[in-house]
């Protein structure tokens, strides 16, 4: 089945043609978000990622369906130390 992956900020892939922010990925039926993270070799832990599937917050255990849109957004930390 084919799903679409959107990679945000530091997760974008660098290619000779420029950054790749979105890609289609063929995954087996029954694949989960965690399977996609492994396949893309995303090194951030699940706690450091905001994950959405079709615009809804998702956990790594969520199973995917053909045509799903998956966004991986690195958590941003910031602010000031006092």
N, C-alpha and C. Protein backbone atom coordinates (compact mmCIF):
# COMPACT_ATOMS: atom_id res chain seq x y z
N UNK A 1 0.85 -1.17 0.00
CA UNK A 1 0.00 0.00 0.00
C UNK A 1 0.90 1.24 0.00
N UNK A 2 0.37 2.32 -0.53
CA UNK A 2 1.13 3.57 -0.63
C UNK A 2 0.61 4.56 0.40
N UNK A 3 1.54 5.16 1.15
CA UNK A 3 1.21 6.24 2.08
C UNK A 3 2.09 7.43 1.72
N UNK A 4 1.69 8.61 2.17
CA UNK A 4 2.48 9.81 1.94
C UNK A 4 3.07 10.27 3.26
N UNK A 5 4.37 10.54 3.24
CA UNK A 5 5.09 10.98 4.43
C UNK A 5 5.47 12.44 4.25
N UNK A 6 5.26 13.23 5.29
CA UNK A 6 5.70 14.63 5.31
C UNK A 6 6.73 14.76 6.42
N UNK A 7 7.92 15.19 6.05
CA UNK A 7 9.03 15.34 6.99
C UNK A 7 9.24 16.83 7.26
N UNK A 8 9.23 17.20 8.52
CA UNK A 8 9.34 18.61 8.88
C UNK A 8 10.72 18.93 9.45
N UNK A 9 11.16 20.14 9.19
CA UNK A 9 12.42 20.74 9.66
C UNK A 9 13.61 19.79 9.56
N UNK A 10 14.20 19.39 10.68
CA UNK A 10 15.45 18.62 10.66
C UNK A 10 15.28 17.22 10.09
N UNK A 11 14.06 16.77 9.89
CA UNK A 11 13.83 15.42 9.36
C UNK A 11 13.84 15.38 7.84
N UNK A 12 13.84 16.55 7.19
CA UNK A 12 13.88 16.58 5.73
C UNK A 12 15.13 15.89 5.23
N UNK A 13 15.00 15.24 4.08
CA UNK A 13 16.13 14.55 3.45
C UNK A 13 16.83 15.50 2.50
N UNK A 14 18.15 15.53 2.54
CA UNK A 14 18.92 16.36 1.63
C UNK A 14 19.33 15.52 0.43
N UNK A 15 19.04 16.05 -0.75
CA UNK A 15 19.42 15.38 -2.00
C UNK A 15 20.15 16.39 -2.87
N UNK A 16 20.82 15.93 -3.93
CA UNK A 16 21.47 16.87 -4.84
C UNK A 16 20.50 17.87 -5.46
N UNK A 17 19.22 17.51 -5.52
CA UNK A 17 18.21 18.41 -6.09
C UNK A 17 17.56 19.31 -5.05
N UNK A 18 18.03 19.24 -3.81
CA UNK A 18 17.46 20.06 -2.74
C UNK A 18 16.78 19.20 -1.69
N UNK A 19 16.20 19.85 -0.68
CA UNK A 19 15.57 19.11 0.41
C UNK A 19 14.30 18.38 -0.05
N UNK A 20 14.09 17.19 0.49
CA UNK A 20 12.87 16.43 0.23
C UNK A 20 12.02 16.50 1.49
N UNK A 21 10.86 17.11 1.35
CA UNK A 21 9.96 17.29 2.49
C UNK A 21 8.82 16.29 2.49
N UNK A 22 8.53 15.72 1.34
CA UNK A 22 7.39 14.83 1.20
C UNK A 22 7.77 13.68 0.28
N UNK A 23 7.30 12.48 0.61
CA UNK A 23 7.58 11.34 -0.24
C UNK A 23 6.48 10.31 -0.11
N UNK A 24 6.32 9.54 -1.17
CA UNK A 24 5.40 8.41 -1.13
C UNK A 24 6.20 7.17 -0.77
N UNK A 25 5.62 6.34 0.06
CA UNK A 25 6.30 5.16 0.55
C UNK A 25 5.37 3.96 0.41
N UNK A 26 5.91 2.88 -0.13
CA UNK A 26 5.15 1.63 -0.22
C UNK A 26 5.49 0.80 1.00
N UNK A 27 4.46 0.46 1.77
CA UNK A 27 4.64 -0.34 2.98
C UNK A 27 3.68 -1.51 2.95
N UNK A 28 4.03 -2.61 3.61
CA UNK A 28 3.12 -3.77 3.64
C UNK A 28 1.84 -3.47 4.41
N UNK A 29 0.76 -4.14 4.04
CA UNK A 29 -0.49 -4.06 4.82
C UNK A 29 -0.16 -4.40 6.27
N UNK A 30 -0.81 -3.72 7.21
CA UNK A 30 -0.58 -4.00 8.62
C UNK A 30 0.59 -3.23 9.22
N UNK A 31 1.20 -2.34 8.43
CA UNK A 31 2.33 -1.55 8.95
C UNK A 31 1.83 -0.51 9.94
N UNK A 32 2.68 -0.23 10.92
CA UNK A 32 2.38 0.79 11.92
C UNK A 32 3.26 2.01 11.70
N UNK A 33 2.96 3.07 12.43
CA UNK A 33 3.81 4.26 12.41
C UNK A 33 5.24 3.89 12.80
N UNK A 34 5.39 3.02 13.80
CA UNK A 34 6.72 2.59 14.24
C UNK A 34 7.49 1.92 13.11
N UNK A 35 6.80 1.13 12.29
CA UNK A 35 7.46 0.48 11.15
C UNK A 35 8.01 1.53 10.18
N UNK A 36 7.25 2.60 9.97
CA UNK A 36 7.69 3.66 9.06
C UNK A 36 8.89 4.40 9.65
N UNK A 37 8.86 4.66 10.94
CA UNK A 37 10.00 5.32 11.61
C UNK A 37 11.26 4.48 11.42
N UNK A 38 11.15 3.17 11.61
CA UNK A 38 12.30 2.28 11.40
C UNK A 38 12.76 2.30 9.96
N UNK A 39 11.82 2.21 9.03
CA UNK A 39 12.17 2.17 7.60
C UNK A 39 12.86 3.44 7.15
N UNK A 40 12.42 4.60 7.68
CA UNK A 40 13.03 5.88 7.31
C UNK A 40 14.29 6.18 8.12
N UNK A 41 14.58 5.30 9.08
CA UNK A 41 15.75 5.45 9.94
C UNK A 41 15.75 6.80 10.67
N UNK A 42 14.58 7.17 11.18
CA UNK A 42 14.47 8.39 11.99
C UNK A 42 15.07 8.09 13.35
N UNK A 43 16.06 8.88 13.71
CA UNK A 43 16.82 8.61 14.94
C UNK A 43 16.20 9.20 16.20
N UNK A 44 15.25 10.13 16.05
CA UNK A 44 14.62 10.72 17.22
C UNK A 44 13.72 9.69 17.90
N UNK A 45 13.64 9.75 19.21
CA UNK A 45 12.74 8.85 19.92
C UNK A 45 11.30 9.32 19.71
N UNK A 46 10.36 8.43 19.92
CA UNK A 46 8.95 8.77 19.76
C UNK A 46 8.55 9.93 20.67
N UNK A 47 9.21 10.05 21.82
CA UNK A 47 8.90 11.15 22.74
C UNK A 47 9.33 12.50 22.16
N UNK A 48 10.22 12.48 21.20
CA UNK A 48 10.73 13.72 20.60
C UNK A 48 10.06 14.04 19.26
N UNK A 49 8.98 13.31 18.96
CA UNK A 49 8.26 13.51 17.70
C UNK A 49 6.79 13.80 17.96
N UNK A 50 6.26 14.74 17.20
CA UNK A 50 4.83 14.92 17.10
C UNK A 50 4.43 14.19 15.83
N UNK A 51 3.52 13.25 15.95
CA UNK A 51 3.12 12.41 14.82
C UNK A 51 1.63 12.61 14.56
N UNK A 52 1.29 12.88 13.30
CA UNK A 52 -0.11 12.93 12.94
C UNK A 52 -0.36 11.99 11.76
N UNK A 53 -1.54 11.40 11.75
CA UNK A 53 -1.99 10.59 10.62
C UNK A 53 -3.31 11.21 10.17
N UNK A 54 -3.32 11.66 8.93
CA UNK A 54 -4.51 12.32 8.37
C UNK A 54 -4.98 13.48 9.24
N UNK A 55 -3.99 14.24 9.78
CA UNK A 55 -4.29 15.43 10.57
C UNK A 55 -4.67 15.19 12.02
N UNK A 56 -4.67 13.94 12.45
CA UNK A 56 -5.03 13.61 13.83
C UNK A 56 -3.79 13.09 14.56
N UNK A 57 -3.64 13.49 15.82
CA UNK A 57 -2.52 13.01 16.62
C UNK A 57 -2.50 11.49 16.61
N UNK A 58 -1.28 10.91 16.54
CA UNK A 58 -1.16 9.45 16.45
C UNK A 58 -0.04 8.96 17.34
N UNK A 59 -0.17 7.72 17.75
CA UNK A 59 0.87 7.02 18.50
C UNK A 59 1.66 6.14 17.54
N UNK A 60 2.84 5.71 17.95
CA UNK A 60 3.67 4.87 17.08
C UNK A 60 3.03 3.51 16.82
N UNK A 61 2.12 3.09 17.68
CA UNK A 61 1.47 1.80 17.50
C UNK A 61 0.33 1.83 16.49
N UNK A 62 -0.06 3.03 16.04
CA UNK A 62 -1.20 3.13 15.13
C UNK A 62 -0.92 2.42 13.81
N UNK A 63 -1.89 1.61 13.38
CA UNK A 63 -1.77 0.93 12.10
C UNK A 63 -2.18 1.88 10.98
N UNK A 64 -1.53 1.73 9.84
CA UNK A 64 -1.75 2.62 8.71
C UNK A 64 -2.60 1.95 7.64
N UNK A 65 -3.25 2.78 6.84
CA UNK A 65 -4.07 2.32 5.73
C UNK A 65 -3.58 2.98 4.44
N UNK A 66 -3.88 2.35 3.32
CA UNK A 66 -3.51 2.92 2.02
C UNK A 66 -4.04 4.35 1.92
N UNK A 67 -3.19 5.25 1.43
CA UNK A 67 -3.59 6.64 1.23
C UNK A 67 -3.39 7.53 2.44
N UNK A 68 -2.98 6.97 3.58
CA UNK A 68 -2.77 7.80 4.77
C UNK A 68 -1.70 8.85 4.52
N UNK A 69 -1.88 9.99 5.18
CA UNK A 69 -0.91 11.08 5.18
C UNK A 69 -0.30 11.13 6.58
N UNK A 70 1.01 10.89 6.67
CA UNK A 70 1.69 10.83 7.96
C UNK A 70 2.68 11.99 8.05
N UNK A 71 2.56 12.77 9.11
CA UNK A 71 3.50 13.86 9.36
C UNK A 71 4.38 13.52 10.55
N UNK A 72 5.68 13.74 10.37
CA UNK A 72 6.65 13.60 11.46
C UNK A 72 7.22 14.99 11.73
N UNK A 73 6.96 15.50 12.93
CA UNK A 73 7.38 16.84 13.31
C UNK A 73 8.23 16.75 14.56
N UNK A 74 9.50 17.17 14.47
CA UNK A 74 10.34 17.12 15.67
C UNK A 74 9.80 18.06 16.75
N UNK A 75 9.83 17.61 17.99
CA UNK A 75 9.43 18.47 19.10
C UNK A 75 10.45 19.61 19.21
N UNK A 76 9.95 20.77 19.46
CA UNK A 76 10.82 21.94 19.58
C UNK A 76 10.91 22.29 21.05
N UNK A 77 12.12 22.42 21.53
CA UNK A 77 12.28 22.89 22.91
C UNK A 77 12.83 24.30 22.84
N UNK A 78 12.51 25.06 23.81
CA UNK A 78 12.99 26.45 23.79
C UNK A 78 12.59 27.15 25.06
N UNK A 79 12.72 28.44 25.02
CA UNK A 79 12.40 29.23 26.20
C UNK A 79 13.68 29.71 26.85
N UNK A 80 13.53 30.18 28.03
CA UNK A 80 14.69 30.70 28.74
C UNK A 80 14.90 29.93 30.03
N UNK A 81 16.13 29.81 30.42
CA UNK A 81 16.46 29.19 31.70
C UNK A 81 16.54 30.29 32.75
N UNK A 82 15.86 30.09 33.86
CA UNK A 82 15.92 31.08 34.94
C UNK A 82 16.43 30.45 36.19
